[in-house]
Amino acid sequence: MKLAEHYGDKPADELPLLFQRILSNCTLDWFRRQKTRRALFSNLSDFDPVEDEGEFDLLEHFQLQADTREVESAEDTTRRAQIFREIEEQIAALPGRQREAFLLRYWEEMDVAETAAAMGCSEGSVKTHCSRAVHALSKALKAKGISL
């Protein structure tokens, strides 16, 4: 669909290479999303950008060393599920705009410009909403004793 939507006006001899690139990028995006969805947020205050480096990148920050779910105990599995439920509840409790910005940026892996376009606001507003969401989530989870 992306090939037809965005590159329908290109010459036919360029289409195979464009298709390969689109397929590769979509595959990588899918695997990145799966990795992020499987990740257990270790400390939401770590999502604050480092002042010298600019924006925070969730995938660069939190890389799973190995998928340990195959060897973890039932207690660990249950604890993980409880933590995910707590995180989901806290995300649901965020104000609408903060929740929207947070999910688009960190769950759907959109960049600031894409998120701003999707939300119909400025890039600065997206950064503010994300920052407030991260701080609120961090505070709420710490109050529940979740600090991994």
C-alpha atoms as a PDB file:
ATOM      1  CA  MET A   1       0.000   0.000   0.000  1.00  0.00           C
ATOM      2  CA  LYS A   2       2.798   2.432   0.849  1.00  0.00           C
ATOM      3  CA  LEU A   3       4.429   1.807  -2.503  1.00  0.00           C
ATOM      4  CA  ALA A   4       1.213   2.577  -4.371  1.00  0.00           C
ATOM      5  CA  GLU A   5       0.315   5.567  -2.191  1.00  0.00           C
ATOM      6  CA  HIS A   6       3.669   7.306  -2.143  1.00  0.00           C
ATOM      7  CA  TYR A   7       5.557   6.122  -5.206  1.00  0.00           C
ATOM      8  CA  GLY A   8       2.919   5.491  -7.883  1.00  0.00           C
ATOM      9  CA  ASP A   9       4.441   8.210 -10.068  1.00  0.00           C
ATOM     10  CA  LYS A  10       7.938   6.645 -10.102  1.00  0.00           C
ATOM     11  CA  PRO A  11       9.298   4.785 -13.139  1.00  0.00           C
ATOM     12  CA  ALA A  12       8.675   1.037 -13.157  1.00  0.00           C
ATOM     13  CA  ASP A  13      12.394   0.188 -12.971  1.00  0.00           C
ATOM     14  CA  GLU A  14      12.689   1.959  -9.576  1.00  0.00           C
ATOM     15  CA  LEU A  15       9.739   0.145  -7.981  1.00  0.00           C
ATOM     16  CA  PRO A  16      11.508  -3.124  -7.021  1.00  0.00           C
ATOM     17  CA  LEU A  17      14.165  -1.274  -4.998  1.00  0.00           C
ATOM     18  CA  LEU A  18      11.562   0.970  -3.387  1.00  0.00           C
ATOM     19  CA  PHE A  19       9.469  -2.078  -2.497  1.00  0.00           C
ATOM     20  CA  GLN A  20      12.499  -3.775  -0.914  1.00  0.00           C
ATOM     21  CA  ARG A  21      13.231  -0.677   1.182  1.00  0.00           C
ATOM     22  CA  ILE A  22       9.607  -0.281   2.306  1.00  0.00           C
ATOM     23  CA  LEU A  23       9.381  -3.970   3.202  1.00  0.00           C
ATOM     24  CA  SER A  24      12.633  -3.799   5.145  1.00  0.00           C
ATOM     25  CA  ASN A  25      11.588  -0.670   7.050  1.00  0.00           C
ATOM     26  CA  CYS A  26       8.145  -2.075   7.882  1.00  0.00           C
ATOM     27  CA  THR A  27       9.689  -5.310   9.138  1.00  0.00           C
ATOM     28  CA  LEU A  28      12.161  -3.444  11.335  1.00  0.00           C
ATOM     29  CA  ASP A  29       9.374  -1.211  12.668  1.00  0.00           C
ATOM     30  CA  TRP A  30       7.285  -4.266  13.550  1.00  0.00           C
ATOM     31  CA  PHE A  31      10.152  -5.885  15.457  1.00  0.00           C
ATOM     32  CA  ARG A  32      10.905  -2.633  17.284  1.00  0.00           C
ATOM     33  CA  ARG A  33       7.262  -2.329  18.344  1.00  0.00           C
ATOM     34  CA  GLN A  34       7.248  -5.925  19.581  1.00  0.00           C
ATOM     35  CA  LYS A  35      10.432  -5.325  21.560  1.00  0.00           C
ATOM     36  CA  THR A  36       8.963  -2.212  23.133  1.00  0.00           C
ATOM     37  CA  ARG A  37       5.700  -3.933  23.991  1.00  0.00           C
ATOM     38  CA  ARG A  38       7.567  -6.797  25.670  1.00  0.00           C
ATOM     39  CA  ALA A  39       9.813  -4.444  27.592  1.00  0.00           C
ATOM     40  CA  LEU A  40       9.237  -3.845  31.251  1.00  0.00           C
ATOM     41  CA  PHE A  41       9.787  -0.176  32.014  1.00  0.00           C
ATOM     42  CA  SER A  42      12.589  -0.111  34.537  1.00  0.00           C
ATOM     43  CA  ASN A  43      12.278   3.423  35.850  1.00  0.00           C
ATOM     44  CA  LEU A  44      10.027   5.968  34.223  1.00  0.00           C
ATOM     45  CA  SER A  45      12.146   8.855  35.482  1.00  0.00           C
ATOM     46  CA  ASP A  46      14.877   7.545  33.158  1.00  0.00           C
ATOM     47  CA  PHE A  47      12.742   8.668  30.231  1.00  0.00           C
ATOM     48  CA  ASP A  48      13.749  12.268  30.819  1.00  0.00           C
ATOM     49  CA  PRO A  49      16.005  13.451  28.007  1.00  0.00           C
ATOM     50  CA  VAL A  50      19.618  14.112  28.800  1.00  0.00           C
ATOM     51  CA  GLU A  51      20.086  17.864  28.386  1.00  0.00           C
ATOM     52  CA  ASP A  52      23.178  17.621  26.181  1.00  0.00           C
ATOM     53  CA  GLU A  53      21.798  14.880  23.949  1.00  0.00           C
ATOM     54  CA  GLY A  54      18.345  16.249  23.137  1.00  0.00           C
ATOM     55  CA  GLU A  55      15.452  13.818  22.823  1.00  0.00           C
ATOM     56  CA  PHE A  56      15.141  10.523  24.650  1.00  0.00           C
ATOM     57  CA  ASP A  57      14.982   7.357  22.541  1.00  0.00           C
ATOM     58  CA  LEU A  58      13.206   4.509  24.318  1.00  0.00           C
ATOM     59  CA  LEU A  59      14.751   1.782  22.169  1.00  0.00           C
ATOM     60  CA  GLU A  60      18.293   3.007  22.708  1.00  0.00           C
ATOM     61  CA  HIS A  61      17.738   3.321  26.437  1.00  0.00           C
ATOM     62  CA  PHE A  62      16.026   0.027  27.162  1.00  0.00           C
ATOM     63  CA  GLN A  63      17.423  -2.946  25.325  1.00  0.00           C
ATOM     64  CA  LEU A  64      16.506  -6.399  26.510  1.00  0.00           C
ATOM     65  CA  GLN A  65      19.593  -8.513  27.025  1.00  0.00           C
ATOM     66  CA  ALA A  66      17.690 -11.751  26.508  1.00  0.00           C
ATOM     67  CA  ASP A  67      14.127 -12.970  26.617  1.00  0.00           C
ATOM     68  CA  THR A  68      14.079 -14.479  30.103  1.00  0.00           C
ATOM     69  CA  ARG A  69      10.398 -15.404  30.136  1.00  0.00           C
ATOM     70  CA  GLU A  70      11.254 -18.962  29.090  1.00  0.00           C
ATOM     71  CA  VAL A  71      13.162 -19.602  32.336  1.00  0.00           C
ATOM     72  CA  GLU A  72      11.450 -17.327  34.845  1.00  0.00           C
ATOM     73  CA  SER A  73       9.372 -18.688  37.682  1.00  0.00           C
ATOM     74  CA  ALA A  74       5.595 -18.485  37.959  1.00  0.00           C
ATOM     75  CA  GLU A  75       6.066 -15.896  40.698  1.00  0.00           C
ATOM     76  CA  ASP A  76       8.134 -13.705  38.364  1.00  0.00           C
ATOM     77  CA  THR A  77       5.569 -14.105  35.598  1.00  0.00           C
ATOM     78  CA  THR A  78       2.751 -13.133  37.960  1.00  0.00           C
ATOM     79  CA  ARG A  79       4.702 -10.164  39.298  1.00  0.00           C
ATOM     80  CA  ARG A  80       5.420  -8.992  35.744  1.00  0.00           C
ATOM     81  CA  ALA A  81       1.708  -9.225  34.880  1.00  0.00           C
ATOM     82  CA  GLN A  82       0.794  -7.254  38.012  1.00  0.00           C
ATOM     83  CA  ILE A  83       3.300  -4.541  37.168  1.00  0.00           C
ATOM     84  CA  PHE A  84       1.989  -4.302  33.603  1.00  0.00           C
ATOM     85  CA  ARG A  85      -1.563  -3.964  34.946  1.00  0.00           C
ATOM     86  CA  GLU A  86      -0.430  -1.181  37.290  1.00  0.00           C
ATOM     87  CA  ILE A  87       1.341   0.614  34.444  1.00  0.00           C
ATOM     88  CA  GLU A  88      -1.722   0.288  32.211  1.00  0.00           C
ATOM     89  CA  GLU A  89      -3.989   1.612  34.998  1.00  0.00           C
ATOM     90  CA  GLN A  90      -1.708   4.577  35.588  1.00  0.00           C
ATOM     91  CA  ILE A  91      -1.511   5.341  31.867  1.00  0.00           C
ATOM     92  CA  ALA A  92      -5.329   5.182  31.679  1.00  0.00           C
ATOM     93  CA  ALA A  93      -5.526   7.626  34.612  1.00  0.00           C
ATOM     94  CA  LEU A  94      -3.435  10.261  32.822  1.00  0.00           C
ATOM     95  CA  PRO A  95      -5.197  13.292  31.360  1.00  0.00           C
ATOM     96  CA  GLY A  96      -6.232  12.631  27.760  1.00  0.00           C
ATOM     97  CA  ARG A  97      -3.613  14.747  25.983  1.00  0.00           C
ATOM     98  CA  GLN A  98      -0.773  13.425  28.145  1.00  0.00           C
ATOM     99  CA  ARG A  99      -1.907   9.840  27.585  1.00  0.00           C
ATOM    100  CA  GLU A 100      -2.204  10.422  23.845  1.00  0.00           C
ATOM    101  CA  ALA A 101       1.255  11.996  23.570  1.00  0.00           C
ATOM    102  CA  PHE A 102       2.863   9.319  25.756  1.00  0.00           C
ATOM    103  CA  LEU A 103       1.349   6.415  23.820  1.00  0.00           C
ATOM    104  CA  LEU A 104       2.118   7.875  20.423  1.00  0.00           C
ATOM    105  CA  ARG A 105       5.722   8.654  21.326  1.00  0.00           C
ATOM    106  CA  TYR A 106       6.715   5.626  23.405  1.00  0.00           C
ATOM    107  CA  TRP A 107       4.273   2.906  22.352  1.00  0.00           C
ATOM    108  CA  GLU A 108       3.797   3.674  18.667  1.00  0.00           C
ATOM    109  CA  GLU A 109       7.355   5.046  18.371  1.00  0.00           C
ATOM    110  CA  MET A 110       6.369   8.173  16.494  1.00  0.00           C
ATOM    111  CA  ASP A 111       8.839  11.023  16.472  1.00  0.00           C
ATOM    112  CA  VAL A 112       7.919  14.440  17.882  1.00  0.00           C
ATOM    113  CA  ALA A 113       6.888  15.877  14.492  1.00  0.00           C
ATOM    114  CA  GLU A 114       4.646  12.900  13.660  1.00  0.00           C
ATOM    115  CA  THR A 115       3.068  13.014  17.101  1.00  0.00           C
ATOM    116  CA  ALA A 116       2.462  16.760  16.813  1.00  0.00           C
ATOM    117  CA  ALA A 117       0.790  16.266  13.429  1.00  0.00           C
ATOM    118  CA  ALA A 118      -1.377  13.414  14.754  1.00  0.00           C
ATOM    119  CA  MET A 119      -2.415  15.420  17.811  1.00  0.00           C
ATOM    120  CA  GLY A 120      -2.880  18.681  15.932  1.00  0.00           C
ATOM    121  CA  CYS A 121      -0.551  20.668  18.183  1.00  0.00           C
ATOM    122  CA  SER A 122       2.994  22.036  18.228  1.00  0.00           C
ATOM    123  CA  GLU A 123       6.123  19.951  18.823  1.00  0.00           C
ATOM    124  CA  GLY A 124       6.709  21.878  22.039  1.00  0.00           C
ATOM    125  CA  SER A 125       3.277  20.827  23.303  1.00  0.00           C
ATOM    126  CA  VAL A 126       4.086  17.189  22.557  1.00  0.00           C
ATOM    127  CA  LYS A 127       7.323  17.443  24.542  1.00  0.00           C
ATOM    128  CA  THR A 128       5.501  19.106  27.438  1.00  0.00           C
ATOM    129  CA  HIS A 129       2.709  16.511  27.474  1.00  0.00           C
ATOM    130  CA  CYS A 130       5.230  13.651  27.334  1.00  0.00           C
ATOM    131  CA  SER A 131       7.353  15.109  30.092  1.00  0.00           C
ATOM    132  CA  ARG A 132       4.350  15.621  32.358  1.00  0.00           C
ATOM    133  CA  ALA A 133       3.093  12.106  31.616  1.00  0.00           C
ATOM    134  CA  VAL A 134       6.452  10.539  32.441  1.00  0.00           C
ATOM    135  CA  HIS A 135       6.736  12.467  35.701  1.00  0.00           C
ATOM    136  CA  ALA A 136       3.155  11.602  36.693  1.00  0.00           C
ATOM    137  CA  LEU A 137       3.660   7.915  35.872  1.00  0.00           C
ATOM    138  CA  SER A 138       6.946   7.803  37.726  1.00  0.00           C
ATOM    139  CA  LYS A 139       5.440   9.418  40.813  1.00  0.00           C
ATOM    140  CA  ALA A 140       2.320   7.212  40.773  1.00  0.00           C
ATOM    141  CA  LEU A 141       4.283   3.983  40.307  1.00  0.00           C
ATOM    142  CA  LYS A 142       6.792   4.910  43.015  1.00  0.00           C
ATOM    143  CA  ALA A 143       3.859   5.540  45.374  1.00  0.00           C
ATOM    144  CA  LYS A 144       2.670   1.990  44.649  1.00  0.00           C
ATOM    145  CA  GLY A 145       6.127   0.635  45.402  1.00  0.00           C
ATOM    146  CA  ILE A 146       7.110  -0.042  41.810  1.00  0.00           C
ATOM    147  CA  SER A 147      10.666   1.025  41.186  1.00  0.00           C
ATOM    148  CA  LEU A 148      12.463  -1.513  39.077  1.00  0.00           C
END
